[in-house]
Protein backbone atom coordinates (compact mmCIF):
# COMPACT_ATOMS: atom_id res chain seq x y z
CA MET A 1 0.02 0.01 0.18
CA LEU A 2 1.29 3.31 -1.00
CA CYS A 3 1.66 5.87 1.85
CA VAL A 4 1.36 9.55 0.67
CA THR A 5 4.78 11.19 1.23
CA ALA A 6 5.07 14.94 1.65
CA THR A 7 7.89 17.09 0.55
CA ASN A 8 8.41 20.99 0.12
CA ASP A 9 10.75 20.35 -2.94
CA PRO A 10 9.34 22.67 -5.86
CA VAL A 11 9.59 19.16 -8.22
CA ASP A 12 6.73 17.82 -5.71
CA ASP A 13 4.36 20.58 -7.38
CA SER A 14 4.27 18.99 -10.90
CA PRO A 15 1.19 18.19 -12.45
CA GLY A 16 -0.18 14.47 -11.83
CA GLU A 17 -0.14 12.14 -14.70
CA LYS A 18 -2.33 9.07 -15.51
CA THR A 19 0.28 6.11 -15.38
CA GLY A 20 -1.85 3.38 -16.68
CA LEU A 21 -3.73 2.52 -13.38
CA MET A 22 -7.13 3.77 -14.88
CA THR A 23 -7.46 0.37 -16.55
CA ASP A 24 -11.41 0.23 -15.38
CA PRO A 25 -13.20 2.62 -17.76
CA ARG A 26 -15.92 3.00 -14.95
CA LEU A 27 -13.33 5.23 -13.19
CA GLN A 28 -14.19 7.99 -15.55
CA ASP A 29 -17.56 8.44 -13.55
CA VAL A 30 -15.30 9.13 -10.38
CA VAL A 31 -14.24 12.54 -9.22
CA THR A 32 -12.27 13.05 -6.29
CA VAL A 33 -12.89 16.00 -3.95
CA VAL A 34 -10.04 16.90 -1.68
CA LEU A 35 -10.69 18.65 1.70
CA ALA A 36 -7.84 20.99 2.67
CA LYS A 37 -6.85 23.83 4.70
CA ASN A 38 -2.84 24.80 5.30
CA GLU A 39 -1.77 21.69 3.87
CA GLU A 40 0.76 23.06 1.49
CA SER A 41 3.26 20.25 2.67
CA THR A 42 0.88 17.18 1.44
CA ILE A 43 -1.35 18.61 -0.95
CA GLY A 44 0.66 18.21 -4.29
CA ALA A 45 1.11 14.49 -3.32
CA ALA A 46 -2.49 13.94 -2.64
CA VAL A 47 -3.78 15.40 -5.84
CA ARG A 48 -1.26 13.65 -8.11
CA GLY A 49 -2.16 10.33 -6.06
CA ALA A 50 -5.84 10.79 -6.70
CA LEU A 51 -5.28 11.60 -10.36
CA ARG A 52 -3.96 8.18 -11.21
CA PHE A 53 -7.47 6.89 -10.37
CA CYS A 54 -9.82 9.60 -11.76
CA GLU A 55 -10.00 11.93 -14.43
CA ARG A 56 -10.76 14.89 -12.05
CA VAL A 57 -9.54 16.18 -8.73
CA VAL A 58 -11.31 18.89 -7.00
CA VAL A 59 -9.86 20.81 -3.81
CA MET A 60 -12.03 22.60 -1.62
CA ASP A 61 -9.55 25.07 0.07
CA GLY A 62 -10.87 26.06 3.43
CA HIS A 63 -9.39 29.68 3.16
CA SER A 64 -5.84 28.52 3.65
CA GLY A 65 -3.27 31.24 4.83
CA ASP A 66 -0.39 29.23 2.89
CA SER A 67 0.19 28.16 -0.53
CA THR A 68 -2.06 25.13 -0.56
CA ALA A 69 -4.30 26.31 -3.18
CA GLU A 70 -1.37 27.22 -5.39
CA ARG A 71 0.50 23.90 -5.08
CA ALA A 72 -3.02 21.96 -5.72
CA ARG A 73 -3.54 23.80 -8.97
CA LEU A 74 0.20 23.19 -10.01
CA ALA A 75 -0.29 19.42 -9.23
CA GLY A 76 -3.57 19.22 -11.68
CA ALA A 77 -6.46 20.11 -9.37
CA GLU A 78 -9.33 22.28 -9.96
CA VAL A 79 -9.48 24.48 -6.80
CA HIS A 80 -12.49 26.32 -5.35
CA LEU A 81 -12.70 28.34 -2.16
CA ASP A 82 -15.11 26.62 0.43
CA PRO A 83 -17.90 28.60 2.22
CA GLY A 84 -15.37 28.79 5.19
CA THR A 85 -17.63 27.53 7.89
CA GLY A 86 -16.18 24.02 8.29
CA LYS A 87 -15.46 20.61 6.77
CA GLY A 88 -19.40 19.57 6.27
CA ALA A 89 -19.90 23.19 4.57
CA ALA A 90 -17.01 22.21 2.27
CA ILE A 91 -18.35 18.88 1.44
CA ARG A 92 -21.80 20.37 0.48
CA ALA A 93 -20.11 23.02 -1.78
CA GLY A 94 -18.04 20.06 -3.45
CA LEU A 95 -21.01 18.12 -4.16
CA ASP A 96 -23.05 21.13 -5.58
CA LEU A 97 -19.89 22.03 -7.83
CA VAL A 98 -19.02 18.58 -9.42
CA THR A 99 -21.05 16.53 -11.91
CA GLU A 100 -19.80 13.04 -11.95
CA PRO A 101 -22.27 10.29 -10.46
CA VAL A 102 -19.52 8.85 -7.86
CA VAL A 103 -17.67 11.11 -5.52
CA VAL A 104 -14.88 9.96 -3.47
CA MET A 105 -13.95 12.33 -0.53
CA MET A 106 -10.49 12.34 0.68
CA ASP A 107 -8.42 14.55 3.24
CA ALA A 108 -5.11 16.35 2.11
CA ASP A 109 -3.05 15.69 5.21
CA GLY A 110 -1.67 12.62 4.02
CA SER A 111 -3.67 10.18 6.35
CA HIS A 112 -5.75 8.68 3.34
CA ASP A 113 -3.85 6.58 0.53
CA PRO A 114 -5.15 7.47 -2.93
CA ASP A 115 -4.35 3.70 -3.63
CA ASP A 116 -7.76 3.02 -1.94
CA ILE A 117 -9.81 5.24 -4.29
CA PRO A 118 -10.79 2.36 -6.53
CA ARG A 119 -11.73 0.21 -3.37
CA LEU A 120 -13.98 2.74 -2.21
CA ALA A 121 -15.72 3.31 -5.84
CA GLU A 122 -15.91 -0.21 -6.71
CA PRO A 123 -19.40 -1.03 -4.72
CA ILE A 124 -21.08 2.00 -6.11
CA LEU A 125 -19.92 1.46 -9.47
CA SER A 126 -20.97 -2.08 -9.22
CA ASP A 127 -24.29 -0.98 -7.74
CA VAL A 128 -24.19 -2.68 -4.66
CA ALA A 129 -23.96 0.37 -2.38
CA ASP A 130 -24.79 4.09 -2.38
CA LEU A 131 -22.08 5.01 0.15
CA CYS A 132 -19.14 3.10 1.14
CA VAL A 133 -16.84 4.31 4.00
CA GLY A 134 -13.69 3.35 4.52
CA SER A 135 -13.03 1.25 7.80
CA ARG A 136 -9.96 1.92 9.87
CA PHE A 137 -11.14 -0.70 12.29
CA THR A 138 -10.43 -3.46 9.53
CA GLY A 139 -7.90 -1.53 7.45
CA GLY A 140 -5.87 -0.37 10.48
CA SER A 141 -4.97 3.21 11.79
CA GLU A 142 -2.12 4.87 13.05
CA GLU A 143 -4.41 7.61 14.99
CA LEU A 144 -7.14 5.77 16.87
CA SER A 145 -5.84 5.73 20.32
CA ILE A 146 -2.64 7.31 20.66
CA THR A 147 -3.28 10.19 22.39
CA VAL A 148 -6.32 11.04 24.96
CA GLY A 149 -8.01 13.25 22.18
CA GLN A 150 -7.66 10.29 19.91
CA LEU A 151 -8.85 7.62 22.47
CA VAL A 152 -11.82 9.97 23.00
CA ARG A 153 -12.59 9.94 19.28
CA THR A 154 -12.11 6.02 19.28
CA ILE A 155 -14.31 5.53 21.84
CA GLY A 156 -16.93 7.86 20.04
CA ASN A 157 -16.70 6.17 16.79
CA ILE A 158 -17.33 2.49 18.42
CA SER A 159 -20.07 4.10 20.23
CA MET A 160 -21.65 5.52 17.11
CA ASN A 161 -20.87 2.56 15.05
CA ILE A 162 -22.90 0.48 17.85
CA ALA A 163 -26.13 2.76 17.82
CA ILE A 164 -26.36 2.87 14.26
CA ASN A 165 -26.03 -0.68 13.91
CA LYS A 166 -28.60 -1.28 16.65
CA ARG A 167 -30.84 1.15 14.97
CA TRP A 168 -30.81 0.33 11.47
CA GLY A 169 -29.78 -3.45 11.86
CA VAL A 170 -26.61 -3.30 9.83
CA GLU A 171 -23.10 -4.19 10.54
CA LEU A 172 -20.85 -1.39 9.92
CA THR A 173 -17.30 -1.03 11.48
CA ASP A 174 -16.74 2.69 10.88
CA THR A 175 -19.12 5.46 10.38
CA LEU A 176 -17.08 8.36 10.91
CA ASN A 177 -14.05 7.83 8.39
CA GLY A 178 -13.99 10.99 6.00
CA PHE A 179 -12.53 8.94 3.47
CA ARG A 180 -15.56 7.59 1.47
CA ALA A 181 -17.02 7.38 -1.70
CA VAL A 182 -20.73 8.36 -2.46
CA ARG A 183 -23.36 8.26 -5.10
CA ARG A 184 -23.63 12.13 -5.55
CA LYS A 185 -27.48 11.98 -6.52
CA ALA A 186 -28.29 10.14 -3.22
CA ALA A 187 -26.23 12.70 -1.16
CA LEU A 188 -28.08 15.55 -2.65
CA GLU A 189 -31.44 13.95 -2.28
CA VAL A 190 -30.97 13.16 1.54
CA GLY A 191 -30.42 17.07 2.45
CA LEU A 192 -27.13 17.44 4.42
CA ARG A 193 -26.97 20.18 6.79
CA GLU A 194 -24.12 19.74 9.17
CA ASP A 195 -21.21 22.34 8.51
CA ILE A 196 -18.52 20.63 10.61
CA HIS A 197 -17.04 16.96 10.79
CA THR A 198 -20.53 15.88 12.00
CA ILE A 199 -21.51 15.64 8.33
CA GLU A 200 -19.68 12.22 8.27
CA GLN A 201 -22.17 10.45 10.62
CA GLU A 202 -25.19 12.75 9.53
CA MET A 203 -24.23 11.24 5.92
CA VAL A 204 -24.55 7.77 7.13
CA MET A 205 -27.67 7.99 9.07
CA LYS A 206 -29.55 9.78 6.48
CA MET A 207 -28.63 7.51 3.78
CA LEU A 208 -29.90 4.47 6.16
CA LEU A 209 -32.82 6.74 6.98
CA SER A 210 -33.74 6.93 3.36
CA GLY A 211 -33.26 3.70 2.62
CA TYR A 212 -29.75 3.72 0.72
CA ARG A 213 -27.05 1.01 0.95
CA VAL A 214 -24.25 1.71 3.40
CA VAL A 215 -21.21 -0.47 3.26
CA ASN A 216 -17.53 -0.50 4.44
CA VAL A 217 -14.25 -1.42 3.16
CA PRO A 218 -11.02 -1.63 4.87
CA THR A 219 -8.72 1.43 4.17
CA HIS A 220 -5.55 2.29 6.28
CA GLU A 221 -5.27 5.54 8.14
CA PHE A 222 -1.65 7.02 8.43
CA SER A 223 -0.71 9.53 10.83
CA ARG A 224 -0.84 13.16 9.78
CA LEU A 225 2.57 14.23 8.26
CA TYR A 226 2.37 17.84 9.19
CA GLY A 227 0.30 20.20 11.59
CA GLU A 228 -2.37 19.44 13.75
CA SER A 229 -5.94 17.99 13.22
CA HIS A 230 -8.69 20.45 12.50
CA ILE A 231 -11.00 18.40 14.89
CA LYS A 232 -11.39 19.84 18.26
CA ILE A 233 -12.56 17.02 19.98
CA TRP A 234 -13.07 18.68 23.42
CA LYS A 235 -15.17 21.51 21.78
CA GLN A 236 -17.07 19.58 19.36
CA TRP A 237 -17.91 16.47 20.98
CA PRO A 238 -21.14 17.81 22.37
CA ARG A 239 -22.19 18.46 18.48
CA PHE A 240 -21.14 14.80 17.68
CA VAL A 241 -23.69 13.38 20.26
CA ALA A 242 -26.56 15.85 19.52
CA CYS A 243 -26.27 14.99 15.72
CA GLY A 244 -26.27 11.28 16.55
CA PHE A 245 -29.09 11.27 18.98
CA THR A 246 -31.29 13.47 16.93
CA HIS A 247 -30.82 11.53 13.91
CA ILE A 248 -31.53 8.10 15.54
CA VAL A 249 -34.47 9.34 17.61
CA ARG A 250 -36.14 11.15 15.03
CA GLY A 251 -35.80 8.40 12.67
CA SER A 252 -37.26 6.00 15.12
CA ARG A 253 -40.12 8.15 15.61
CA ARG A 254 -40.39 8.83 11.69
CA ASN A 255 -40.35 5.30 10.46
CA GLY A 256 -42.38 2.31 11.42
CA SER A 257 -39.68 -0.47 11.13
CA ALA A 258 -36.29 -1.32 9.92
CA GLY A 259 -37.52 -3.25 7.06
CA GLU A 260 -39.21 -0.12 5.67
CA LEU A 261 -35.99 1.98 6.25
CA ASN A 262 -33.87 -0.54 4.42
CA ALA A 263 -36.08 -0.73 1.45
CA PRO A 264 -34.79 0.79 -1.88
CA PRO A 265 -36.07 4.45 -2.13
CA GLU A 266 -38.38 3.56 -4.90
CA GLU A 267 -40.32 0.91 -2.78
CA ARG A 268 -40.55 3.01 0.27
CA ASP A 269 -44.05 4.40 1.02
CA PRO A 270 -44.36 7.93 0.27
CA GLN A 271 -43.95 10.13 3.67
């Protein structure tokens, strides 16, 4: 498995090239949206890695104060300024901007391996899923429980997995990983609203609530190569709890049974 390696060498900013890895013509229907803020040291490698597996890479720049946007363009990405209110807002803006039917979402900090893009897109391209979330619990992670904050995040992730699995009768091992692929039409239809990282659990719950198919595939999470995580767990954990509780309880009151929830959207009774 290839880990994204960062460098400040100007040569690292050369445009990404197709290297024969796009052997599956279906990958032409895939776009990678990279979420980035102040990631000048790693954005070039992330963009070039993603361009080996899709025709188009869109970087949503979170109002970076460094050369992230410039380096992303030099590496071959299309760069857009996100709304500036958080990762969730950037994801929603990215979904509105692109037109490809399958969207892979990837962070720019070097923690996500571009080689996993085809693995994430495959269940959607094969029409066996509508959302595919990379699982760090089956693929491994270097960040799940190193510090106290990461331990809290790990416990929160496991707790959310249990709650979602219990509520919808599924067997998901990771619901919070931002490295994922989604059917764009479905993501737009469910009405995502969260502005921060809570959009990742909101997406899983709303997809299940709307009867869409959600699966996991193993992906490995590497340690962030530079800087600090943008997740402020000590300040944001109440939002994660509130988001999960709201959707699970509201979904229980709104729908009669798990069978109805998991039916294909066209087979569900109109509400």
